[in-house]
Amino acid sequence: MTSKPSHDCRLYLITLPRLDDLAAFGRTLAGALDAGDVAALQIRLKDAPDDVIAAAVDVLGTIARARNVAVILNDRPDLAAKLGCDGVHVGQSDASCAEARRLMGPTAMIGVTCHDSRHLAMEAAEAGADYVAFGAFFPTTTKDAPTTADPEILSIWQETMAIPCVAIGGITADNAAGLAAAGADFLAVSAGVWNHPDGPAAAVKALNAAIAEGLAAR
């Protein structure tokens, strides 16, 4: 997931929180990735055993990399390094950015959850993060979001900092355009893709259309 010029915004998919049928989800993922531009896939399996996560990285990582989509593991830089992921995403209560960098090496992508705080984001940037994530921008059922972020934080970040910012939290094709217009470099989406009434492939198409609409409004 290379950082693009500031006028670009790309889709960043996050898996379902549980994958009871990995092979079936792999087929769904392939269809979604083939439907439009996606920069990265975050494999987010909270509290799953290491062997379950490893199997998911093996199956889904192969599908993603075949389409030039970066593979990012949530929370676990130790496991991400062991499994050869492209990067890791850590929260404020997970391993520090510095620890993630030490475990994964200089070329891995390190992303950090910064909630609604520019202060936390600046700390992450100073620690060497490759991107910072702000949110939640909308109500979300995917995770318990402790903060609500205003799109203005994306605009301010874009104007003052070079490190890319990711918008996360309740994003769908219906509300994505405003976040792209506000300055998000990436839109992280989970339920808005996998639970779309017309299916994940249709969601990716609709989200890319919404991103294009938002960029045109910048």
N, C-alpha and C. Protein backbone atom coordinates (compact mmCIF):
# COMPACT_ATOMS: atom_id res chain seq x y z
N MET A 1 0.86 -1.18 0.00
CA MET A 1 0.00 0.00 0.00
C MET A 1 0.89 1.23 0.00
N THR A 2 1.38 1.57 -1.14
CA THR A 2 2.24 2.75 -1.22
C THR A 2 1.41 4.01 -1.10
N SER A 3 2.00 5.03 -0.49
CA SER A 3 1.28 6.29 -0.37
C SER A 3 1.21 6.94 -1.75
N LYS A 4 0.04 7.44 -2.06
CA LYS A 4 -0.20 8.07 -3.36
C LYS A 4 -0.14 9.59 -3.18
N PRO A 5 -0.11 10.33 -4.29
CA PRO A 5 -0.19 11.78 -4.14
C PRO A 5 -1.44 12.17 -3.35
N SER A 6 -1.38 13.33 -2.73
CA SER A 6 -2.44 13.71 -1.80
C SER A 6 -3.81 13.85 -2.45
N HIS A 7 -3.85 13.95 -3.79
CA HIS A 7 -5.15 14.09 -4.43
C HIS A 7 -5.81 12.74 -4.64
N ASP A 8 -5.15 11.66 -4.26
CA ASP A 8 -5.74 10.34 -4.44
C ASP A 8 -6.35 9.83 -3.14
N CYS A 9 -7.29 8.91 -3.28
CA CYS A 9 -7.90 8.23 -2.15
C CYS A 9 -8.23 6.83 -2.63
N ARG A 10 -7.90 5.83 -1.81
CA ARG A 10 -8.10 4.44 -2.24
C ARG A 10 -8.80 3.63 -1.15
N LEU A 11 -9.31 2.52 -1.55
CA LEU A 11 -10.06 1.64 -0.67
C LEU A 11 -9.12 0.69 0.08
N TYR A 12 -9.45 0.45 1.36
CA TYR A 12 -8.65 -0.39 2.25
C TYR A 12 -9.66 -1.33 2.91
N LEU A 13 -9.66 -2.59 2.52
CA LEU A 13 -10.65 -3.54 3.03
C LEU A 13 -10.18 -4.19 4.33
N ILE A 14 -11.13 -4.44 5.22
CA ILE A 14 -10.88 -5.16 6.45
C ILE A 14 -11.79 -6.39 6.45
N THR A 15 -11.22 -7.55 6.80
CA THR A 15 -12.00 -8.78 6.75
C THR A 15 -13.16 -8.76 7.74
N LEU A 16 -14.06 -9.69 7.56
CA LEU A 16 -15.06 -9.95 8.59
C LEU A 16 -14.34 -10.36 9.88
N PRO A 17 -14.95 -10.10 11.04
CA PRO A 17 -14.28 -10.42 12.30
C PRO A 17 -14.15 -11.92 12.57
N ARG A 18 -14.98 -12.72 11.90
CA ARG A 18 -14.86 -14.18 11.99
C ARG A 18 -15.00 -14.77 10.60
N LEU A 19 -14.19 -15.78 10.31
CA LEU A 19 -14.25 -16.43 9.00
C LEU A 19 -14.49 -17.92 9.23
N ASP A 20 -15.76 -18.29 9.32
CA ASP A 20 -16.09 -19.69 9.60
C ASP A 20 -15.81 -20.60 8.42
N ASP A 21 -15.89 -20.05 7.22
CA ASP A 21 -15.60 -20.83 6.00
C ASP A 21 -14.56 -20.05 5.20
N LEU A 22 -13.29 -20.34 5.46
CA LEU A 22 -12.21 -19.57 4.87
C LEU A 22 -12.19 -19.66 3.35
N ALA A 23 -12.44 -20.85 2.82
CA ALA A 23 -12.42 -21.02 1.37
C ALA A 23 -13.51 -20.20 0.70
N ALA A 24 -14.70 -20.21 1.30
CA ALA A 24 -15.82 -19.44 0.73
C ALA A 24 -15.52 -17.95 0.80
N PHE A 25 -14.96 -17.50 1.92
CA PHE A 25 -14.63 -16.08 2.02
C PHE A 25 -13.54 -15.72 1.03
N GLY A 26 -12.62 -16.63 0.79
CA GLY A 26 -11.58 -16.38 -0.21
C GLY A 26 -12.17 -16.12 -1.59
N ARG A 27 -13.17 -16.89 -1.93
CA ARG A 27 -13.83 -16.68 -3.24
C ARG A 27 -14.55 -15.34 -3.27
N THR A 28 -15.19 -15.00 -2.16
CA THR A 28 -15.87 -13.70 -2.06
C THR A 28 -14.86 -12.56 -2.17
N LEU A 29 -13.74 -12.71 -1.47
CA LEU A 29 -12.69 -11.70 -1.51
C LEU A 29 -12.16 -11.51 -2.92
N ALA A 30 -11.90 -12.60 -3.62
CA ALA A 30 -11.38 -12.51 -4.99
C ALA A 30 -12.34 -11.72 -5.88
N GLY A 31 -13.64 -11.99 -5.74
CA GLY A 31 -14.63 -11.26 -6.53
C GLY A 31 -14.66 -9.79 -6.19
N ALA A 32 -14.51 -9.48 -4.90
CA ALA A 32 -14.51 -8.07 -4.48
C ALA A 32 -13.28 -7.34 -5.01
N LEU A 33 -12.12 -7.98 -4.90
CA LEU A 33 -10.89 -7.34 -5.37
C LEU A 33 -10.87 -7.16 -6.88
N ASP A 34 -11.53 -8.06 -7.58
CA ASP A 34 -11.58 -7.96 -9.04
C ASP A 34 -12.57 -6.90 -9.52
N ALA A 35 -13.38 -6.37 -8.60
CA ALA A 35 -14.45 -5.44 -8.98
C ALA A 35 -14.00 -3.99 -9.06
N GLY A 36 -12.82 -3.68 -8.51
CA GLY A 36 -12.37 -2.28 -8.53
C GLY A 36 -11.09 -2.10 -7.75
N ASP A 37 -10.62 -0.88 -7.68
CA ASP A 37 -9.34 -0.57 -7.05
C ASP A 37 -9.40 -0.78 -5.54
N VAL A 38 -8.48 -1.58 -5.02
CA VAL A 38 -8.31 -1.79 -3.58
C VAL A 38 -6.81 -1.74 -3.30
N ALA A 39 -6.42 -0.95 -2.30
CA ALA A 39 -5.00 -0.79 -1.99
C ALA A 39 -4.49 -1.85 -1.04
N ALA A 40 -5.31 -2.22 -0.05
CA ALA A 40 -4.83 -3.10 1.01
C ALA A 40 -5.95 -3.93 1.59
N LEU A 41 -5.56 -5.06 2.17
CA LEU A 41 -6.48 -5.93 2.91
C LEU A 41 -5.92 -6.11 4.30
N GLN A 42 -6.71 -5.73 5.30
CA GLN A 42 -6.33 -5.98 6.69
C GLN A 42 -7.04 -7.24 7.17
N ILE A 43 -6.26 -8.21 7.62
CA ILE A 43 -6.81 -9.44 8.19
C ILE A 43 -6.98 -9.19 9.68
N ARG A 44 -8.23 -9.08 10.09
CA ARG A 44 -8.55 -8.69 11.47
C ARG A 44 -9.41 -9.78 12.10
N LEU A 45 -8.77 -10.67 12.82
CA LEU A 45 -9.45 -11.79 13.46
C LEU A 45 -9.16 -11.73 14.97
N LYS A 46 -9.90 -10.89 15.64
CA LYS A 46 -9.67 -10.67 17.07
C LYS A 46 -9.83 -11.97 17.86
N ASP A 47 -8.87 -12.24 18.72
CA ASP A 47 -8.92 -13.37 19.66
C ASP A 47 -8.88 -14.74 18.98
N ALA A 48 -8.60 -14.79 17.69
CA ALA A 48 -8.48 -16.10 17.02
C ALA A 48 -7.13 -16.72 17.36
N PRO A 49 -7.08 -18.05 17.44
CA PRO A 49 -5.80 -18.72 17.67
C PRO A 49 -4.81 -18.44 16.54
N ASP A 50 -3.54 -18.54 16.87
CA ASP A 50 -2.50 -18.24 15.87
C ASP A 50 -2.63 -19.10 14.62
N ASP A 51 -3.01 -20.37 14.78
CA ASP A 51 -3.10 -21.24 13.60
C ASP A 51 -4.23 -20.81 12.68
N VAL A 52 -5.31 -20.28 13.27
CA VAL A 52 -6.43 -19.79 12.45
C VAL A 52 -6.01 -18.53 11.68
N ILE A 53 -5.30 -17.65 12.35
CA ILE A 53 -4.80 -16.44 11.69
C ILE A 53 -3.82 -16.81 10.59
N ALA A 54 -2.93 -17.76 10.87
CA ALA A 54 -1.94 -18.18 9.88
C ALA A 54 -2.61 -18.75 8.64
N ALA A 55 -3.66 -19.54 8.85
CA ALA A 55 -4.38 -20.10 7.70
C ALA A 55 -5.04 -19.00 6.87
N ALA A 56 -5.59 -17.99 7.57
CA ALA A 56 -6.23 -16.88 6.86
C ALA A 56 -5.22 -16.08 6.06
N VAL A 57 -4.05 -15.83 6.66
CA VAL A 57 -3.01 -15.10 5.94
C VAL A 57 -2.56 -15.89 4.71
N ASP A 58 -2.44 -17.20 4.86
CA ASP A 58 -2.01 -18.03 3.73
C ASP A 58 -3.00 -17.96 2.57
N VAL A 59 -4.27 -18.17 2.88
CA VAL A 59 -5.29 -18.22 1.83
C VAL A 59 -5.59 -16.83 1.27
N LEU A 60 -5.90 -15.90 2.17
CA LEU A 60 -6.32 -14.57 1.73
C LEU A 60 -5.14 -13.75 1.22
N GLY A 61 -3.97 -13.95 1.83
CA GLY A 61 -2.79 -13.23 1.38
C GLY A 61 -2.41 -13.59 -0.05
N THR A 62 -2.55 -14.85 -0.39
CA THR A 62 -2.25 -15.29 -1.76
C THR A 62 -3.18 -14.62 -2.75
N ILE A 63 -4.47 -14.56 -2.39
CA ILE A 63 -5.47 -13.93 -3.27
C ILE A 63 -5.18 -12.45 -3.42
N ALA A 64 -4.86 -11.79 -2.32
CA ALA A 64 -4.62 -10.34 -2.35
C ALA A 64 -3.36 -10.01 -3.15
N ARG A 65 -2.28 -10.71 -2.86
CA ARG A 65 -1.01 -10.37 -3.52
C ARG A 65 -1.05 -10.63 -5.01
N ALA A 66 -1.85 -11.60 -5.43
CA ALA A 66 -2.01 -11.86 -6.86
C ALA A 66 -2.62 -10.67 -7.57
N ARG A 67 -3.25 -9.78 -6.80
CA ARG A 67 -3.90 -8.59 -7.35
C ARG A 67 -3.20 -7.30 -6.89
N ASN A 68 -1.95 -7.44 -6.45
CA ASN A 68 -1.15 -6.29 -6.00
C ASN A 68 -1.80 -5.53 -4.85
N VAL A 69 -2.47 -6.27 -3.97
CA VAL A 69 -3.10 -5.69 -2.78
C VAL A 69 -2.24 -6.04 -1.57
N ALA A 70 -1.85 -5.05 -0.80
CA ALA A 70 -1.00 -5.27 0.37
C ALA A 70 -1.75 -6.03 1.44
N VAL A 71 -1.03 -6.88 2.17
CA VAL A 71 -1.61 -7.71 3.22
C VAL A 71 -1.13 -7.20 4.57
N ILE A 72 -2.08 -6.74 5.40
CA ILE A 72 -1.78 -6.15 6.69
C ILE A 72 -2.49 -6.95 7.77
N LEU A 73 -1.77 -7.32 8.82
CA LEU A 73 -2.37 -8.06 9.92
C LEU A 73 -2.70 -7.09 11.05
N ASN A 74 -3.82 -7.32 11.69
CA ASN A 74 -4.22 -6.48 12.80
C ASN A 74 -3.57 -6.93 14.11
N ASP A 75 -3.08 -5.99 14.88
CA ASP A 75 -2.67 -6.18 16.28
C ASP A 75 -1.33 -6.88 16.54
N ARG A 76 -0.94 -7.83 15.69
CA ARG A 76 0.11 -8.77 16.06
C ARG A 76 1.37 -8.63 15.20
N PRO A 77 2.25 -7.68 15.51
CA PRO A 77 3.47 -7.55 14.72
C PRO A 77 4.36 -8.78 14.77
N ASP A 78 4.36 -9.50 15.92
CA ASP A 78 5.15 -10.72 16.02
C ASP A 78 4.70 -11.76 15.01
N LEU A 79 3.38 -11.94 14.93
CA LEU A 79 2.83 -12.92 14.00
C LEU A 79 2.90 -12.42 12.55
N ALA A 80 2.70 -11.13 12.36
CA ALA A 80 2.80 -10.56 11.02
C ALA A 80 4.19 -10.77 10.43
N ALA A 81 5.22 -10.61 11.28
CA ALA A 81 6.59 -10.83 10.83
C ALA A 81 6.82 -12.30 10.50
N LYS A 82 6.34 -13.16 11.37
CA LYS A 82 6.52 -14.60 11.18
C LYS A 82 5.84 -15.09 9.91
N LEU A 83 4.67 -14.52 9.60
CA LEU A 83 3.88 -14.98 8.46
C LEU A 83 4.21 -14.23 7.17
N GLY A 84 5.12 -13.27 7.26
CA GLY A 84 5.53 -12.55 6.05
C GLY A 84 4.51 -11.57 5.51
N CYS A 85 3.72 -10.98 6.40
CA CYS A 85 2.75 -9.97 5.96
C CYS A 85 3.49 -8.70 5.52
N ASP A 86 2.81 -7.90 4.71
CA ASP A 86 3.41 -6.65 4.23
C ASP A 86 3.44 -5.59 5.32
N GLY A 87 2.56 -5.73 6.32
CA GLY A 87 2.51 -4.73 7.37
C GLY A 87 1.64 -5.17 8.52
N VAL A 88 1.51 -4.29 9.49
CA VAL A 88 0.69 -4.55 10.67
C VAL A 88 -0.01 -3.26 11.06
N HIS A 89 -1.20 -3.41 11.63
CA HIS A 89 -1.94 -2.27 12.15
C HIS A 89 -2.09 -2.45 13.65
N VAL A 90 -1.65 -1.47 14.42
CA VAL A 90 -1.71 -1.58 15.88
C VAL A 90 -2.60 -0.49 16.46
N GLY A 91 -3.31 -0.87 17.52
CA GLY A 91 -4.13 0.08 18.25
C GLY A 91 -3.35 0.70 19.39
N GLN A 92 -3.98 1.60 20.11
CA GLN A 92 -3.30 2.29 21.20
C GLN A 92 -2.98 1.35 22.36
N SER A 93 -3.69 0.24 22.48
CA SER A 93 -3.44 -0.70 23.57
C SER A 93 -2.67 -1.93 23.11
N ASP A 94 -2.21 -1.92 21.84
CA ASP A 94 -1.43 -3.03 21.30
C ASP A 94 0.06 -2.70 21.41
N ALA A 95 0.88 -3.43 20.70
CA ALA A 95 2.31 -3.13 20.65
C ALA A 95 2.51 -1.70 20.14
N SER A 96 3.56 -1.05 20.61
CA SER A 96 3.85 0.31 20.16
C SER A 96 4.34 0.29 18.72
N CYS A 97 4.29 1.45 18.09
CA CYS A 97 4.80 1.58 16.73
C CYS A 97 6.27 1.19 16.68
N ALA A 98 7.03 1.62 17.66
CA ALA A 98 8.46 1.31 17.70
C ALA A 98 8.71 -0.19 17.82
N GLU A 99 7.90 -0.85 18.67
CA GLU A 99 8.04 -2.30 18.83
C GLU A 99 7.65 -3.03 17.55
N ALA A 100 6.57 -2.56 16.91
CA ALA A 100 6.16 -3.15 15.64
C ALA A 100 7.26 -3.02 14.58
N ARG A 101 7.88 -1.86 14.55
CA ARG A 101 8.97 -1.64 13.59
C ARG A 101 10.15 -2.55 13.89
N ARG A 102 10.46 -2.69 15.17
CA ARG A 102 11.59 -3.55 15.54
C ARG A 102 11.33 -5.00 15.12
N LEU A 103 10.10 -5.45 15.31
CA LEU A 103 9.76 -6.83 14.99
C LEU A 103 9.66 -7.08 13.49
N MET A 104 9.19 -6.08 12.74
CA MET A 104 8.87 -6.29 11.33
C MET A 104 9.92 -5.75 10.36
N GLY A 105 10.81 -4.91 10.85
CA GLY A 105 11.86 -4.43 9.98
C GLY A 105 11.52 -3.11 9.31
N PRO A 106 12.51 -2.53 8.61
CA PRO A 106 12.39 -1.17 8.09
C PRO A 106 11.44 -1.01 6.91
N THR A 107 11.14 -2.08 6.19
CA THR A 107 10.33 -1.92 4.98
C THR A 107 8.86 -2.25 5.18
N ALA A 108 8.50 -2.80 6.33
CA ALA A 108 7.10 -3.15 6.59
C ALA A 108 6.26 -1.90 6.77
N MET A 109 4.96 -2.02 6.46
CA MET A 109 4.02 -0.92 6.67
C MET A 109 3.46 -1.00 8.08
N ILE A 110 3.59 0.08 8.82
CA ILE A 110 3.06 0.13 10.18
C ILE A 110 1.97 1.20 10.22
N GLY A 111 0.76 0.77 10.58
CA GLY A 111 -0.35 1.71 10.75
C GLY A 111 -0.77 1.77 12.20
N VAL A 112 -1.24 2.93 12.63
CA VAL A 112 -1.58 3.13 14.04
C VAL A 112 -2.97 3.77 14.17
N THR A 113 -3.80 3.18 15.01
CA THR A 113 -5.10 3.77 15.34
C THR A 113 -4.89 5.02 16.19
N CYS A 114 -5.48 6.12 15.77
CA CYS A 114 -5.31 7.39 16.50
C CYS A 114 -6.65 8.01 16.91
N HIS A 115 -7.73 7.26 16.76
CA HIS A 115 -9.06 7.70 17.18
C HIS A 115 -9.41 9.07 16.59
N ASP A 116 -9.68 10.06 17.45
CA ASP A 116 -10.03 11.40 16.96
C ASP A 116 -8.95 12.40 17.37
N SER A 117 -7.71 11.91 17.54
CA SER A 117 -6.66 12.72 18.15
C SER A 117 -5.51 13.02 17.19
N ARG A 118 -5.33 14.29 16.87
CA ARG A 118 -4.16 14.68 16.08
C ARG A 118 -2.89 14.52 16.90
N HIS A 119 -2.99 14.67 18.21
CA HIS A 119 -1.83 14.49 19.07
C HIS A 119 -1.31 13.05 18.97
N LEU A 120 -2.21 12.08 19.09
CA LEU A 120 -1.80 10.68 18.95
C LEU A 120 -1.23 10.41 17.56
N ALA A 121 -1.83 11.03 16.55
CA ALA A 121 -1.37 10.83 15.18
C ALA A 121 0.03 11.41 14.98
N MET A 122 0.28 12.57 15.56
CA MET A 122 1.62 13.16 15.44
C MET A 122 2.67 12.32 16.16
N GLU A 123 2.28 11.77 17.32
CA GLU A 123 3.18 10.87 18.04
C GLU A 123 3.51 9.64 17.19
N ALA A 124 2.48 9.10 16.53
CA ALA A 124 2.69 7.93 15.67
C ALA A 124 3.59 8.28 14.50
N ALA A 125 3.37 9.45 13.91
CA ALA A 125 4.20 9.89 12.79
C ALA A 125 5.66 10.03 13.22
N GLU A 126 5.85 10.63 14.38
CA GLU A 126 7.21 10.81 14.89
C GLU A 126 7.88 9.47 15.21
N ALA A 127 7.06 8.47 15.55
CA ALA A 127 7.59 7.14 15.87
C ALA A 127 7.87 6.31 14.62
N GLY A 128 7.51 6.86 13.46
CA GLY A 128 7.82 6.16 12.21
C GLY A 128 6.69 5.42 11.57
N ALA A 129 5.44 5.71 11.97
CA ALA A 129 4.30 5.06 11.34
C ALA A 129 4.23 5.42 9.85
N ASP A 130 3.72 4.49 9.07
CA ASP A 130 3.54 4.74 7.63
C ASP A 130 2.18 5.33 7.32
N TYR A 131 1.22 5.13 8.22
CA TYR A 131 -0.08 5.80 8.09
C TYR A 131 -0.72 5.86 9.46
N VAL A 132 -1.64 6.81 9.61
CA VAL A 132 -2.43 6.94 10.83
C VAL A 132 -3.90 6.77 10.48
N ALA A 133 -4.66 6.20 11.40
CA ALA A 133 -6.08 5.95 11.16
C ALA A 133 -6.93 6.75 12.13
N PHE A 134 -7.87 7.51 11.58
CA PHE A 134 -8.81 8.29 12.39
C PHE A 134 -10.21 7.68 12.31
N GLY A 135 -10.97 7.80 13.40
CA GLY A 135 -12.34 7.32 13.39
C GLY A 135 -12.87 7.19 14.81
N ALA A 136 -14.09 6.72 14.99
CA ALA A 136 -14.99 6.33 13.92
C ALA A 136 -15.76 7.54 13.41
N PHE A 137 -15.96 7.58 12.10
CA PHE A 137 -16.66 8.71 11.52
C PHE A 137 -18.17 8.52 11.54
N PHE A 138 -18.62 7.28 11.56
CA PHE A 138 -20.04 6.98 11.58
C PHE A 138 -20.27 5.82 12.55
N PRO A 139 -21.52 5.62 12.99
CA PRO A 139 -21.80 4.48 13.86
C PRO A 139 -21.37 3.16 13.20
N THR A 140 -20.78 2.27 13.97
CA THR A 140 -20.29 1.01 13.42
C THR A 140 -20.63 -0.14 14.34
N THR A 141 -20.98 -1.27 13.75
CA THR A 141 -21.25 -2.48 14.52
C THR A 141 -20.08 -3.45 14.47
N THR A 142 -19.05 -3.12 13.67
CA THR A 142 -17.93 -4.04 13.51
C THR A 142 -17.08 -4.11 14.76
N LYS A 143 -16.91 -2.98 15.44
CA LYS A 143 -16.14 -2.96 16.67
C LYS A 143 -16.69 -1.88 17.59
N ASP A 144 -16.32 -1.93 18.85
CA ASP A 144 -16.75 -0.92 19.82
C ASP A 144 -15.85 0.30 19.67
N ALA A 145 -16.35 1.32 19.00
CA ALA A 145 -15.54 2.50 18.72
C ALA A 145 -15.64 3.49 19.89
N PRO A 146 -14.51 3.79 20.54
CA PRO A 146 -14.55 4.67 21.72
C PRO A 146 -14.68 6.15 21.39
N THR A 147 -14.43 6.52 20.15
CA THR A 147 -14.45 7.94 19.79
C THR A 147 -15.23 8.16 18.49
N THR A 148 -15.68 9.40 18.33
CA THR A 148 -16.29 9.83 17.07
C THR A 148 -15.43 10.94 16.50
N ALA A 149 -15.05 10.80 15.25
CA ALA A 149 -14.17 11.77 14.61
C ALA A 149 -14.96 12.64 13.63
N ASP A 150 -14.50 13.89 13.50
CA ASP A 150 -15.10 14.83 12.55
C ASP A 150 -14.26 14.83 11.28
N PRO A 151 -14.88 14.85 10.10
CA PRO A 151 -14.11 14.85 8.86
C PRO A 151 -13.07 15.97 8.78
N GLU A 152 -13.26 17.04 9.55
CA GLU A 152 -12.30 18.14 9.53
C GLU A 152 -10.89 17.68 9.91
N ILE A 153 -10.80 16.63 10.74
CA ILE A 153 -9.49 16.16 11.16
C ILE A 153 -8.68 15.64 9.97
N LEU A 154 -9.39 15.11 8.97
CA LEU A 154 -8.74 14.65 7.74
C LEU A 154 -8.18 15.82 6.95
N SER A 155 -8.97 16.88 6.86
CA SER A 155 -8.55 18.07 6.11
C SER A 155 -7.33 18.71 6.75
N ILE A 156 -7.37 18.84 8.07
CA ILE A 156 -6.25 19.45 8.78
C ILE A 156 -4.99 18.60 8.63
N TRP A 157 -5.16 17.29 8.77
CA TRP A 157 -4.00 16.39 8.62
C TRP A 157 -3.42 16.49 7.22
N GLN A 158 -4.28 16.49 6.24
CA GLN A 158 -3.82 16.55 4.84
C GLN A 158 -3.04 17.83 4.56
N GLU A 159 -3.46 18.91 5.18
CA GLU A 159 -2.81 20.21 4.96
C GLU A 159 -1.48 20.34 5.68
N THR A 160 -1.30 19.58 6.77
CA THR A 160 -0.13 19.81 7.62
C THR A 160 0.87 18.67 7.66
N MET A 161 0.46 17.47 7.29
CA MET A 161 1.33 16.31 7.43
C MET A 161 1.44 15.54 6.12
N ALA A 162 2.59 14.92 5.91
CA ALA A 162 2.83 14.16 4.68
C ALA A 162 2.39 12.71 4.79
N ILE A 163 2.36 12.17 6.00
CA ILE A 163 2.01 10.76 6.19
C ILE A 163 0.54 10.54 5.88
N PRO A 164 0.20 9.50 5.10
CA PRO A 164 -1.19 9.25 4.73
C PRO A 164 -2.10 9.01 5.94
N CYS A 165 -3.36 9.38 5.77
CA CYS A 165 -4.36 9.14 6.81
C CYS A 165 -5.46 8.23 6.28
N VAL A 166 -5.90 7.34 7.14
CA VAL A 166 -6.97 6.40 6.84
C VAL A 166 -8.20 6.79 7.64
N ALA A 167 -9.35 6.82 6.99
CA ALA A 167 -10.63 7.04 7.68
C ALA A 167 -11.28 5.69 7.90
N ILE A 168 -11.83 5.49 9.11
CA ILE A 168 -12.43 4.20 9.45
C ILE A 168 -13.66 4.42 10.31
N GLY A 169 -14.59 3.47 10.23
CA GLY A 169 -15.74 3.51 11.13
C GLY A 169 -17.05 3.78 10.44
N GLY A 170 -17.80 2.73 10.14
CA GLY A 170 -19.14 2.87 9.59
C GLY A 170 -19.20 3.39 8.17
N ILE A 171 -18.11 3.25 7.42
CA ILE A 171 -18.07 3.81 6.06
C ILE A 171 -18.78 2.89 5.08
N THR A 172 -19.64 3.50 4.26
CA THR A 172 -20.37 2.79 3.21
C THR A 172 -20.30 3.62 1.93
N ALA A 173 -20.81 3.04 0.86
CA ALA A 173 -20.85 3.77 -0.40
C ALA A 173 -21.69 5.03 -0.31
N ASP A 174 -22.63 5.07 0.65
CA ASP A 174 -23.51 6.22 0.79
C ASP A 174 -22.86 7.40 1.49
N ASN A 175 -21.81 7.16 2.28
CA ASN A 175 -21.19 8.27 3.01
C ASN A 175 -19.71 8.45 2.71
N ALA A 176 -19.17 7.65 1.80
CA ALA A 176 -17.73 7.68 1.53
C ALA A 176 -17.27 8.95 0.83
N ALA A 177 -18.10 9.52 -0.01
CA ALA A 177 -17.67 10.66 -0.83
C ALA A 177 -17.20 11.83 0.04
N GLY A 178 -17.91 12.11 1.13
CA GLY A 178 -17.55 13.23 1.99
C GLY A 178 -16.19 13.06 2.63
N LEU A 179 -15.83 11.82 2.98
CA LEU A 179 -14.52 11.57 3.59
C LEU A 179 -13.40 11.69 2.57
N ALA A 180 -13.66 11.23 1.35
CA ALA A 180 -12.67 11.41 0.28
C ALA A 180 -12.48 12.90 0.00
N ALA A 181 -13.58 13.64 -0.01
CA ALA A 181 -13.49 15.08 -0.26
C ALA A 181 -12.75 15.79 0.87
N ALA A 182 -12.91 15.30 2.10
CA ALA A 182 -12.30 15.94 3.26
C ALA A 182 -10.78 15.75 3.30
N GLY A 183 -10.29 14.70 2.62
CA GLY A 183 -8.84 14.53 2.57
C GLY A 183 -8.30 13.17 2.94
N ALA A 184 -9.17 12.17 3.15
CA ALA A 184 -8.69 10.83 3.46
C ALA A 184 -7.86 10.29 2.31
N ASP A 185 -6.72 9.67 2.64
CA ASP A 185 -5.92 8.98 1.63
C ASP A 185 -6.44 7.57 1.37
N PHE A 186 -7.03 6.97 2.41
CA PHE A 186 -7.60 5.63 2.30
C PHE A 186 -8.88 5.57 3.11
N LEU A 187 -9.84 4.78 2.64
CA LEU A 187 -11.07 4.54 3.36
C LEU A 187 -11.09 3.08 3.76
N ALA A 188 -11.08 2.81 5.07
CA ALA A 188 -11.09 1.44 5.58
C ALA A 188 -12.54 1.00 5.78
N VAL A 189 -12.90 -0.10 5.13
CA VAL A 189 -14.29 -0.54 5.12
C VAL A 189 -14.35 -2.05 5.40
N SER A 190 -15.29 -2.43 6.25
CA SER A 190 -15.53 -3.85 6.52
C SER A 190 -16.99 -4.19 6.20
N ALA A 191 -17.89 -3.94 7.15
CA ALA A 191 -19.30 -4.30 6.95
C ALA A 191 -19.90 -3.63 5.72
N GLY A 192 -19.44 -2.43 5.41
CA GLY A 192 -19.95 -1.71 4.25
C GLY A 192 -19.69 -2.42 2.93
N VAL A 193 -18.75 -3.36 2.94
CA VAL A 193 -18.49 -4.20 1.77
C VAL A 193 -19.14 -5.57 1.93
N TRP A 194 -18.80 -6.27 3.01
CA TRP A 194 -19.23 -7.66 3.15
C TRP A 194 -20.72 -7.80 3.36
N ASN A 195 -21.38 -6.79 3.93
CA ASN A 195 -22.82 -6.86 4.19
C ASN A 195 -23.64 -6.03 3.20
N HIS A 196 -23.02 -5.60 2.12
CA HIS A 196 -23.75 -4.81 1.12
C HIS A 196 -24.89 -5.65 0.54
N PRO A 197 -26.08 -5.06 0.39
CA PRO A 197 -27.24 -5.84 -0.08
C PRO A 197 -27.06 -6.46 -1.46
N ASP A 198 -26.23 -5.84 -2.29
CA ASP A 198 -26.00 -6.38 -3.63
C ASP A 198 -24.70 -7.17 -3.74
N GLY A 199 -24.06 -7.39 -2.58
CA GLY A 199 -22.85 -8.20 -2.57
C GLY A 199 -21.58 -7.36 -2.53
N PRO A 200 -20.47 -7.98 -2.10
CA PRO A 200 -19.22 -7.26 -1.94
C PRO A 200 -18.66 -6.67 -3.23
N ALA A 201 -18.79 -7.36 -4.34
CA ALA A 201 -18.27 -6.81 -5.59
C ALA A 201 -18.99 -5.51 -5.96
N ALA A 202 -20.31 -5.51 -5.79
CA ALA A 202 -21.08 -4.29 -6.06
C ALA A 202 -20.67 -3.18 -5.11
N ALA A 203 -20.37 -3.55 -3.86
CA ALA A 203 -19.95 -2.55 -2.88
C ALA A 203 -18.64 -1.90 -3.27
N VAL A 204 -17.67 -2.70 -3.73
CA VAL A 204 -16.38 -2.14 -4.15
C VAL A 204 -16.57 -1.17 -5.32
N LYS A 205 -17.39 -1.55 -6.27
CA LYS A 205 -17.67 -0.66 -7.41
C LYS A 205 -18.30 0.64 -6.92
N ALA A 206 -19.28 0.52 -6.04
CA ALA A 206 -19.99 1.70 -5.54
C ALA A 206 -19.07 2.59 -4.70
N LEU A 207 -18.21 1.97 -3.90
CA LEU A 207 -17.27 2.75 -3.09
C LEU A 207 -16.26 3.48 -3.95
N ASN A 208 -15.76 2.83 -4.99
CA ASN A 208 -14.83 3.51 -5.89
C ASN A 208 -15.50 4.67 -6.62
N ALA A 209 -16.77 4.50 -6.96
CA ALA A 209 -17.51 5.60 -7.59
C ALA A 209 -17.69 6.75 -6.61
N ALA A 210 -17.96 6.42 -5.34
CA ALA A 210 -18.13 7.46 -4.33
C ALA A 210 -16.81 8.19 -4.07
N ILE A 211 -15.71 7.45 -4.07
CA ILE A 211 -14.39 8.08 -3.89
C ILE A 211 -14.12 9.05 -5.03
N ALA A 212 -14.41 8.63 -6.26
CA ALA A 212 -14.20 9.51 -7.41
C ALA A 212 -15.04 10.76 -7.29
N GLU A 213 -16.27 10.61 -6.80
CA GLU A 213 -17.15 11.77 -6.60
C GLU A 213 -16.55 12.72 -5.56
N GLY A 214 -16.04 12.14 -4.49
CA GLY A 214 -15.45 12.95 -3.44
C GLY A 214 -14.21 13.68 -3.89
N LEU A 215 -13.36 12.99 -4.64
CA LEU A 215 -12.13 13.62 -5.14
C LEU A 215 -12.45 14.77 -6.09
N ALA A 216 -13.50 14.61 -6.86
CA ALA A 216 -13.89 15.68 -7.78
C ALA A 216 -14.35 16.92 -7.04
N ALA A 217 -14.79 16.72 -5.79
CA ALA A 217 -15.29 17.84 -4.99
C ALA A 217 -14.18 18.53 -4.19
N ARG A 218 -12.98 17.96 -4.16
CA ARG A 218 -11.89 18.56 -3.38
C ARG A 218 -11.49 19.91 -3.96
